[in-house]
N, C-alpha and C. Protein backbone atom coordinates (compact mmCIF):
# COMPACT_ATOMS: atom_id res chain seq x y z
N MET A 1 -58.25 7.49 -42.68
CA MET A 1 -57.33 6.76 -42.35
C MET A 1 -56.25 7.39 -43.48
N ALA A 2 -56.05 7.70 -44.81
CA ALA A 2 -55.33 8.44 -45.41
C ALA A 2 -54.77 9.46 -45.28
N GLU A 3 -55.76 10.17 -44.50
CA GLU A 3 -55.03 11.61 -44.13
C GLU A 3 -54.43 11.25 -42.91
N PHE A 4 -54.40 10.74 -42.19
CA PHE A 4 -53.28 10.26 -40.88
C PHE A 4 -52.43 9.55 -41.89
N LEU A 5 -52.26 8.93 -42.74
CA LEU A 5 -50.88 8.25 -43.21
C LEU A 5 -50.07 9.57 -43.43
N PHE A 6 -50.85 10.07 -44.47
CA PHE A 6 -50.35 11.06 -45.51
C PHE A 6 -49.56 12.12 -44.17
N ASN A 7 -50.23 12.10 -42.94
CA ASN A 7 -49.45 13.40 -42.45
C ASN A 7 -48.40 12.55 -41.50
N LEU A 8 -48.25 11.45 -41.36
CA LEU A 8 -47.49 10.52 -41.02
C LEU A 8 -45.99 10.57 -41.85
N THR A 9 -46.48 10.30 -43.36
CA THR A 9 -45.58 10.60 -44.17
C THR A 9 -44.40 11.81 -44.21
N THR A 10 -45.66 12.88 -44.09
CA THR A 10 -44.87 14.09 -44.16
C THR A 10 -43.90 14.34 -43.12
N LEU A 11 -44.49 14.08 -41.44
CA LEU A 11 -43.84 14.20 -40.55
C LEU A 11 -42.94 13.70 -40.40
N LEU A 12 -42.71 12.33 -40.70
CA LEU A 12 -41.66 11.65 -40.49
C LEU A 12 -40.39 11.60 -40.21
N PRO A 13 -40.01 12.49 -41.43
CA PRO A 13 -38.75 13.31 -41.55
C PRO A 13 -38.46 14.05 -41.06
N LEU A 14 -39.41 14.97 -40.83
CA LEU A 14 -39.46 16.23 -40.03
C LEU A 14 -37.97 16.41 -39.37
N PRO A 15 -38.13 15.47 -38.14
CA PRO A 15 -36.59 15.87 -37.06
C PRO A 15 -35.21 15.49 -37.85
N VAL A 16 -35.17 15.08 -39.23
CA VAL A 16 -33.92 15.25 -39.87
C VAL A 16 -33.78 16.88 -40.42
N TRP A 17 -34.71 16.85 -41.29
CA TRP A 17 -34.62 17.87 -41.78
C TRP A 17 -34.37 19.31 -41.07
N LEU A 18 -35.32 19.12 -39.95
CA LEU A 18 -34.86 20.18 -39.00
C LEU A 18 -33.62 20.17 -38.40
N GLY A 19 -33.10 19.28 -37.52
CA GLY A 19 -31.64 18.96 -37.77
C GLY A 19 -30.81 19.76 -38.79
N MET A 20 -30.79 19.63 -39.96
CA MET A 20 -29.56 19.78 -41.05
C MET A 20 -30.04 21.38 -40.95
N LEU A 21 -31.14 21.48 -41.15
CA LEU A 21 -31.29 23.15 -41.13
C LEU A 21 -31.18 23.84 -40.21
N LEU A 22 -31.76 23.85 -38.96
CA LEU A 22 -31.77 24.61 -37.84
C LEU A 22 -30.24 24.19 -36.98
N PHE A 23 -30.27 23.06 -37.20
CA PHE A 23 -28.93 22.57 -35.83
C PHE A 23 -27.73 21.51 -36.54
N PRO A 24 -27.41 22.45 -37.27
CA PRO A 24 -26.60 21.02 -38.09
C PRO A 24 -25.03 20.81 -37.22
N ARG A 25 -24.36 22.04 -36.26
CA ARG A 25 -23.65 21.12 -35.55
C ARG A 25 -24.09 20.19 -34.85
N SER A 26 -25.06 20.12 -34.45
CA SER A 26 -25.53 19.46 -33.18
C SER A 26 -24.95 18.16 -33.26
N ARG A 27 -24.56 17.21 -31.64
CA ARG A 27 -24.60 15.62 -31.64
C ARG A 27 -25.62 15.18 -32.29
N PHE A 28 -27.24 15.60 -32.18
CA PHE A 28 -27.98 14.73 -32.48
C PHE A 28 -28.07 14.88 -34.37
N THR A 29 -28.53 15.81 -34.41
CA THR A 29 -27.98 15.73 -35.99
C THR A 29 -27.20 14.93 -36.61
N GLU A 30 -26.01 15.05 -36.25
CA GLU A 30 -24.60 13.79 -36.70
C GLU A 30 -25.46 12.87 -36.35
N ARG A 31 -26.14 12.28 -35.45
CA ARG A 31 -26.37 10.68 -35.09
C ARG A 31 -27.68 10.68 -36.32
N LEU A 32 -28.42 11.84 -36.15
CA LEU A 32 -30.06 11.58 -37.30
C LEU A 32 -29.38 10.99 -38.86
N VAL A 33 -28.44 12.04 -39.28
CA VAL A 33 -27.88 12.03 -40.75
C VAL A 33 -27.33 10.76 -40.90
N ARG A 34 -26.62 9.80 -40.13
CA ARG A 34 -25.96 8.72 -39.36
C ARG A 34 -27.02 7.44 -39.61
N ALA A 35 -28.33 7.73 -39.24
CA ALA A 35 -29.14 6.34 -38.99
C ALA A 35 -30.01 5.90 -40.21
N ALA A 36 -30.42 5.06 -40.06
CA ALA A 36 -30.86 4.17 -40.83
C ALA A 36 -32.36 4.10 -40.77
N TRP A 37 -33.06 4.43 -39.19
CA TRP A 37 -34.00 4.36 -39.16
C TRP A 37 -35.26 5.40 -39.59
N PRO A 38 -35.02 6.36 -40.10
CA PRO A 38 -35.52 7.10 -41.11
C PRO A 38 -36.06 6.63 -42.39
N PHE A 39 -35.16 5.78 -43.14
CA PHE A 39 -35.59 5.00 -43.73
C PHE A 39 -36.11 4.14 -44.22
N ILE A 40 -35.69 3.36 -43.24
CA ILE A 40 -36.44 1.72 -42.81
C ILE A 40 -37.74 2.25 -42.39
N ALA A 41 -38.36 2.78 -41.94
CA ALA A 41 -39.79 3.52 -41.44
C ALA A 41 -40.14 3.77 -42.79
N LEU A 42 -39.78 4.50 -43.37
CA LEU A 42 -40.15 5.39 -44.65
C LEU A 42 -40.44 4.19 -45.33
N ALA A 43 -39.28 3.12 -45.57
CA ALA A 43 -39.18 2.37 -46.63
C ALA A 43 -40.91 1.39 -46.34
N ALA A 44 -41.00 0.91 -44.65
CA ALA A 44 -41.80 0.47 -44.47
C ALA A 44 -43.27 0.84 -44.78
N LEU A 45 -43.06 1.92 -44.71
CA LEU A 45 -44.41 2.66 -45.15
C LEU A 45 -45.08 2.67 -46.58
N TYR A 46 -43.67 2.90 -46.54
CA TYR A 46 -44.35 3.10 -48.48
C TYR A 46 -44.44 1.57 -49.23
N THR A 47 -44.10 0.57 -48.56
CA THR A 47 -44.60 -0.24 -48.42
C THR A 47 -46.28 -1.05 -48.57
N LEU A 48 -46.43 -0.91 -47.17
CA LEU A 48 -47.58 -0.85 -46.85
C LEU A 48 -48.64 -0.26 -47.93
N LEU A 49 -47.96 1.28 -47.97
CA LEU A 49 -48.90 2.12 -49.14
C LEU A 49 -49.05 1.26 -50.35
N LEU A 50 -48.24 1.04 -51.11
CA LEU A 50 -47.40 0.12 -52.24
C LEU A 50 -48.92 -1.06 -52.25
N LEU A 51 -48.75 -1.81 -51.34
CA LEU A 51 -49.45 -2.84 -51.15
C LEU A 51 -51.32 -2.59 -51.25
N ALA A 52 -51.52 -1.42 -50.80
CA ALA A 52 -53.02 -1.23 -49.69
C ALA A 52 -52.98 -0.72 -51.57
N ALA A 53 -52.41 -0.24 -52.56
CA ALA A 53 -52.57 0.47 -53.83
C ALA A 53 -52.96 -0.49 -54.81
N LEU A 54 -52.25 -1.72 -54.55
CA LEU A 54 -52.27 -2.77 -55.30
C LEU A 54 -53.64 -3.51 -55.16
N LEU A 55 -53.64 -4.14 -54.02
CA LEU A 55 -54.61 -4.61 -53.47
C LEU A 55 -56.19 -3.98 -53.45
N GLY A 56 -55.98 -2.42 -53.57
CA GLY A 56 -57.34 -1.77 -53.66
C GLY A 56 -57.34 -1.20 -55.08
N GLY A 57 -56.79 -2.00 -56.30
CA GLY A 57 -56.84 -2.24 -57.89
C GLY A 57 -56.33 -1.02 -58.49
N ALA A 58 -55.52 -0.63 -58.02
CA ALA A 58 -54.55 0.27 -58.74
C ALA A 58 -54.37 -0.09 -60.29
N SER A 59 -54.57 0.48 -61.24
CA SER A 59 -53.95 0.27 -62.75
C SER A 59 -52.15 0.14 -62.65
N LEU A 60 -52.27 -1.10 -63.23
CA LEU A 60 -50.53 -1.13 -63.33
C LEU A 60 -50.19 -0.50 -65.06
N ASP A 61 -51.26 0.08 -65.55
CA ASP A 61 -51.31 0.77 -66.76
C ASP A 61 -49.88 2.04 -66.44
N LEU A 62 -49.13 1.68 -67.58
CA LEU A 62 -47.72 2.89 -67.01
C LEU A 62 -48.14 4.29 -68.04
N SER A 63 -48.83 4.12 -69.04
CA SER A 63 -49.45 5.48 -70.04
C SER A 63 -49.37 6.49 -68.57
N PHE A 64 -49.10 7.57 -69.69
CA PHE A 64 -49.70 8.88 -69.17
C PHE A 64 -50.99 9.05 -68.70
N GLY A 65 -52.07 8.78 -69.63
CA GLY A 65 -53.10 8.37 -68.62
C GLY A 65 -53.55 7.89 -67.70
N GLY A 66 -53.28 6.35 -67.65
CA GLY A 66 -53.23 5.63 -66.70
C GLY A 66 -52.39 5.97 -65.53
N LEU A 67 -51.35 6.31 -65.63
CA LEU A 67 -50.73 7.03 -64.31
C LEU A 67 -51.41 8.15 -63.64
N ARG A 68 -51.87 9.09 -64.37
CA ARG A 68 -52.70 10.04 -64.03
C ARG A 68 -54.12 9.72 -63.31
N THR A 69 -54.71 8.84 -64.27
CA THR A 69 -55.92 8.39 -63.39
C THR A 69 -55.75 7.66 -62.20
N THR A 70 -54.35 7.02 -62.09
CA THR A 70 -54.01 6.02 -60.83
C THR A 70 -53.49 7.21 -59.74
N PHE A 71 -53.23 8.02 -59.72
CA PHE A 71 -52.76 8.78 -59.09
C PHE A 71 -53.26 9.20 -58.45
N THR A 72 -54.89 9.83 -58.86
CA THR A 72 -56.18 10.51 -58.41
C THR A 72 -56.13 9.83 -56.88
N LEU A 73 -56.51 8.42 -57.19
CA LEU A 73 -57.30 7.52 -56.09
C LEU A 73 -56.21 7.61 -55.15
N PRO A 74 -56.61 7.57 -53.37
CA PRO A 74 -55.92 7.93 -52.23
C PRO A 74 -55.02 7.00 -52.04
N TRP A 75 -54.53 5.74 -52.28
CA TRP A 75 -53.42 4.50 -51.79
C TRP A 75 -52.56 4.72 -53.09
N PRO A 76 -53.01 4.94 -54.09
CA PRO A 76 -51.40 5.45 -54.96
C PRO A 76 -50.89 6.67 -54.62
N PHE A 77 -51.42 7.30 -54.59
CA PHE A 77 -51.23 8.87 -54.29
C PHE A 77 -50.18 8.46 -53.08
N LEU A 78 -50.82 8.20 -51.92
CA LEU A 78 -50.00 7.83 -50.80
C LEU A 78 -48.46 7.62 -51.15
N ALA A 79 -48.97 6.27 -52.18
CA ALA A 79 -47.25 5.70 -52.38
C ALA A 79 -46.37 6.42 -52.80
N VAL A 80 -47.00 7.30 -53.61
CA VAL A 80 -45.92 8.33 -54.81
C VAL A 80 -45.25 9.19 -53.62
N TRP A 81 -46.45 9.90 -52.68
CA TRP A 81 -45.84 10.48 -51.63
C TRP A 81 -45.05 10.14 -50.64
N ALA A 82 -44.95 8.86 -50.51
CA ALA A 82 -43.82 8.33 -49.83
C ALA A 82 -42.65 7.85 -50.56
N HIS A 83 -42.87 7.81 -51.64
CA HIS A 83 -41.68 7.14 -52.33
C HIS A 83 -40.73 8.74 -52.85
N LEU A 84 -41.54 9.87 -52.90
CA LEU A 84 -41.20 11.53 -53.05
C LEU A 84 -39.98 11.50 -51.87
N VAL A 85 -40.85 11.42 -50.57
CA VAL A 85 -40.34 12.13 -49.04
C VAL A 85 -39.13 11.39 -49.09
N THR A 86 -39.26 10.20 -49.16
CA THR A 86 -37.84 9.14 -48.77
C THR A 86 -36.41 9.65 -49.58
N LEU A 87 -36.92 9.84 -51.03
CA LEU A 87 -35.91 10.26 -51.84
C LEU A 87 -35.71 11.51 -51.81
N ASP A 88 -36.30 12.49 -51.52
CA ASP A 88 -35.73 13.90 -51.30
C ASP A 88 -35.19 14.02 -49.74
N LEU A 89 -35.42 12.87 -48.81
CA LEU A 89 -35.03 12.79 -47.12
C LEU A 89 -33.06 12.22 -47.79
N PHE A 90 -33.28 11.19 -48.71
CA PHE A 90 -32.09 10.42 -49.16
C PHE A 90 -30.99 11.62 -49.49
N ALA A 91 -31.42 12.34 -50.90
CA ALA A 91 -30.67 13.55 -51.29
C ALA A 91 -30.19 14.43 -50.34
N GLY A 92 -31.16 14.86 -49.60
CA GLY A 92 -30.83 15.98 -48.20
C GLY A 92 -30.02 15.25 -47.56
N VAL A 93 -30.05 14.14 -47.09
CA VAL A 93 -28.95 13.43 -46.15
C VAL A 93 -27.77 13.78 -46.65
N TRP A 94 -27.42 13.31 -48.30
CA TRP A 94 -26.35 13.31 -48.81
C TRP A 94 -25.55 14.24 -49.27
N ILE A 95 -26.25 15.25 -49.39
CA ILE A 95 -25.97 16.74 -49.47
C ILE A 95 -25.29 17.07 -48.06
N PHE A 96 -26.02 17.00 -47.03
CA PHE A 96 -25.93 17.34 -45.73
C PHE A 96 -23.95 16.95 -45.59
N ARG A 97 -24.27 15.62 -46.06
CA ARG A 97 -22.59 14.59 -45.47
C ARG A 97 -21.41 15.03 -46.13
N ASP A 98 -22.19 14.69 -47.48
CA ASP A 98 -21.10 15.29 -48.49
C ASP A 98 -20.33 16.69 -48.36
N ALA A 99 -21.58 18.01 -48.57
CA ALA A 99 -21.29 19.22 -48.68
C ALA A 99 -19.66 19.29 -47.65
N LYS A 100 -19.83 18.56 -46.17
CA LYS A 100 -18.73 18.75 -45.22
C LYS A 100 -17.23 18.42 -45.94
N TYR A 101 -17.24 17.24 -46.83
CA TYR A 101 -16.06 17.18 -46.81
C TYR A 101 -15.43 17.89 -48.35
N TRP A 102 -16.76 18.53 -48.70
CA TRP A 102 -16.12 19.65 -50.16
C TRP A 102 -16.15 20.88 -49.60
N GLY A 103 -16.44 21.57 -48.37
CA GLY A 103 -16.26 22.58 -47.26
C GLY A 103 -17.43 23.50 -47.80
N LEU A 104 -18.42 23.58 -48.28
CA LEU A 104 -19.73 23.67 -48.56
C LEU A 104 -20.78 24.08 -47.76
N ASN A 105 -21.37 24.93 -48.05
CA ASN A 105 -22.34 25.37 -46.45
C ASN A 105 -23.78 24.59 -47.19
N PRO A 106 -24.05 23.53 -46.93
CA PRO A 106 -25.02 22.89 -47.37
C PRO A 106 -27.12 23.55 -47.27
N ARG A 107 -27.14 24.71 -46.34
CA ARG A 107 -28.45 24.87 -46.03
C ARG A 107 -29.12 25.48 -47.08
N ALA A 108 -28.61 26.30 -47.92
CA ALA A 108 -29.42 26.83 -49.13
C ALA A 108 -30.26 25.17 -50.46
N PHE A 109 -29.13 24.75 -50.11
CA PHE A 109 -29.22 23.53 -51.30
C PHE A 109 -30.62 22.90 -50.28
N LEU A 110 -30.05 22.31 -48.96
CA LEU A 110 -31.19 21.78 -48.19
C LEU A 110 -32.50 22.26 -48.45
N PHE A 111 -32.61 23.33 -48.31
CA PHE A 111 -33.68 23.82 -48.20
C PHE A 111 -34.71 24.05 -49.70
N VAL A 112 -33.91 24.00 -50.19
CA VAL A 112 -34.42 23.87 -51.79
C VAL A 112 -35.06 22.73 -52.21
N THR A 113 -34.36 21.59 -51.33
CA THR A 113 -34.03 20.41 -51.94
C THR A 113 -35.47 19.55 -50.69
N LEU A 114 -35.57 19.85 -49.67
CA LEU A 114 -37.21 20.00 -48.90
C LEU A 114 -38.16 19.88 -49.66
N PHE A 115 -38.13 21.31 -50.77
CA PHE A 115 -39.40 21.49 -51.39
C PHE A 115 -39.40 20.98 -52.43
N PHE A 116 -38.16 21.21 -53.18
CA PHE A 116 -38.39 20.85 -54.56
C PHE A 116 -37.44 19.86 -55.38
N GLY A 117 -36.89 18.82 -54.70
CA GLY A 117 -36.01 17.84 -54.55
C GLY A 117 -35.03 17.60 -55.67
N PRO A 118 -34.86 17.43 -56.68
CA PRO A 118 -34.48 17.44 -57.80
C PRO A 118 -33.64 18.67 -58.27
N LEU A 119 -34.11 19.23 -58.00
CA LEU A 119 -33.68 21.04 -57.92
C LEU A 119 -32.73 21.02 -57.12
N GLY A 120 -33.00 21.41 -55.97
CA GLY A 120 -32.04 21.73 -54.82
C GLY A 120 -30.63 20.15 -55.23
N LEU A 121 -30.65 19.12 -55.35
CA LEU A 121 -29.94 18.54 -55.91
C LEU A 121 -28.86 18.63 -57.07
N GLY A 122 -29.68 19.16 -58.05
CA GLY A 122 -28.94 19.61 -59.05
C GLY A 122 -28.25 20.38 -59.02
N ALA A 123 -28.60 21.67 -57.66
CA ALA A 123 -27.80 22.99 -57.45
C ALA A 123 -26.77 22.69 -56.89
N TYR A 124 -26.87 21.60 -55.78
CA TYR A 124 -25.95 21.34 -54.99
C TYR A 124 -24.30 20.62 -55.99
N LEU A 125 -25.25 19.39 -57.00
CA LEU A 125 -24.17 19.02 -57.85
C LEU A 125 -23.50 20.10 -58.70
N VAL A 126 -24.18 21.04 -58.94
CA VAL A 126 -23.38 21.93 -59.84
C VAL A 126 -22.29 22.79 -59.06
N ALA A 127 -22.61 23.11 -57.77
CA ALA A 127 -21.55 24.36 -56.90
C ALA A 127 -20.78 22.93 -56.58
N ARG A 128 -20.81 21.55 -56.36
CA ARG A 128 -19.92 20.80 -56.16
C ARG A 128 -18.86 20.75 -56.89
N GLU A 129 -18.99 20.87 -57.95
CA GLU A 129 -18.30 20.37 -59.08
C GLU A 129 -17.49 21.75 -59.68
N HIS A 130 -18.33 22.98 -58.99
CA HIS A 130 -17.07 24.32 -59.36
C HIS A 130 -16.50 24.34 -58.51
N ARG A 131 -16.30 23.70 -57.28
CA ARG A 131 -15.69 23.60 -55.80
C ARG A 131 -14.43 22.41 -56.10
N ALA A 132 -14.90 21.35 -56.94
CA ALA A 132 -13.97 20.64 -57.46
C ALA A 132 -13.01 20.97 -58.27
N ARG A 133 -13.32 21.78 -59.15
CA ARG A 133 -12.32 22.51 -60.54
C ARG A 133 -11.65 23.28 -59.72
N HIS A 134 -11.96 24.07 -58.74
CA HIS A 134 -11.10 25.15 -58.18
C HIS A 134 -10.39 24.81 -56.78
N ASP A 135 -10.50 23.53 -56.55
CA ASP A 135 -9.86 23.37 -55.54
C ASP A 135 -8.51 22.42 -55.61
N PRO A 136 -7.20 22.20 -56.02
CA PRO A 136 -6.84 21.90 -55.99
C PRO A 136 -6.38 20.13 -54.85
N LEU A 137 -6.60 20.56 -53.88
CA LEU A 137 -6.59 19.42 -52.99
C LEU A 137 -7.41 18.60 -53.01
N ARG A 138 -8.94 18.87 -53.28
CA ARG A 138 -9.86 17.67 -53.87
C ARG A 138 -10.44 17.50 -55.04
N VAL A 139 -9.52 17.33 -55.77
CA VAL A 139 -9.60 17.09 -57.41
C VAL A 139 -9.87 15.71 -57.39
N ASN A 140 -11.13 15.53 -57.98
CA ASN A 140 -11.15 13.73 -58.51
C ASN A 140 -10.64 13.22 -59.11
């Protein structure tokens, strides 16, 4: 069951990522990046996994050792995975939509965000700031 939920959590946002990376100008992708359903579905899945983790006796010890031990258990690990996947997708969709305004090509930033989350978001924000400083029409 845990393996199935891991795969579901990993595959659920895949249509959005593939649309943004491979078909950025399609109507389908435009609808996907404006849709709430991927986030609602992932939030529901996260809620179930979090409840399973807490009901399964996951420790609420927020120390390094406590978290390290807790995240070796299947349900807490899956809840953290759903959390990461959801926030990475949110960052990717935001980059995709924001890049249109700034006239930036988001593809490289999206790829890095898909695999390395905050690194892609940070790189995009640096590029966006650079563009903002050098574009008199889009000064913040």
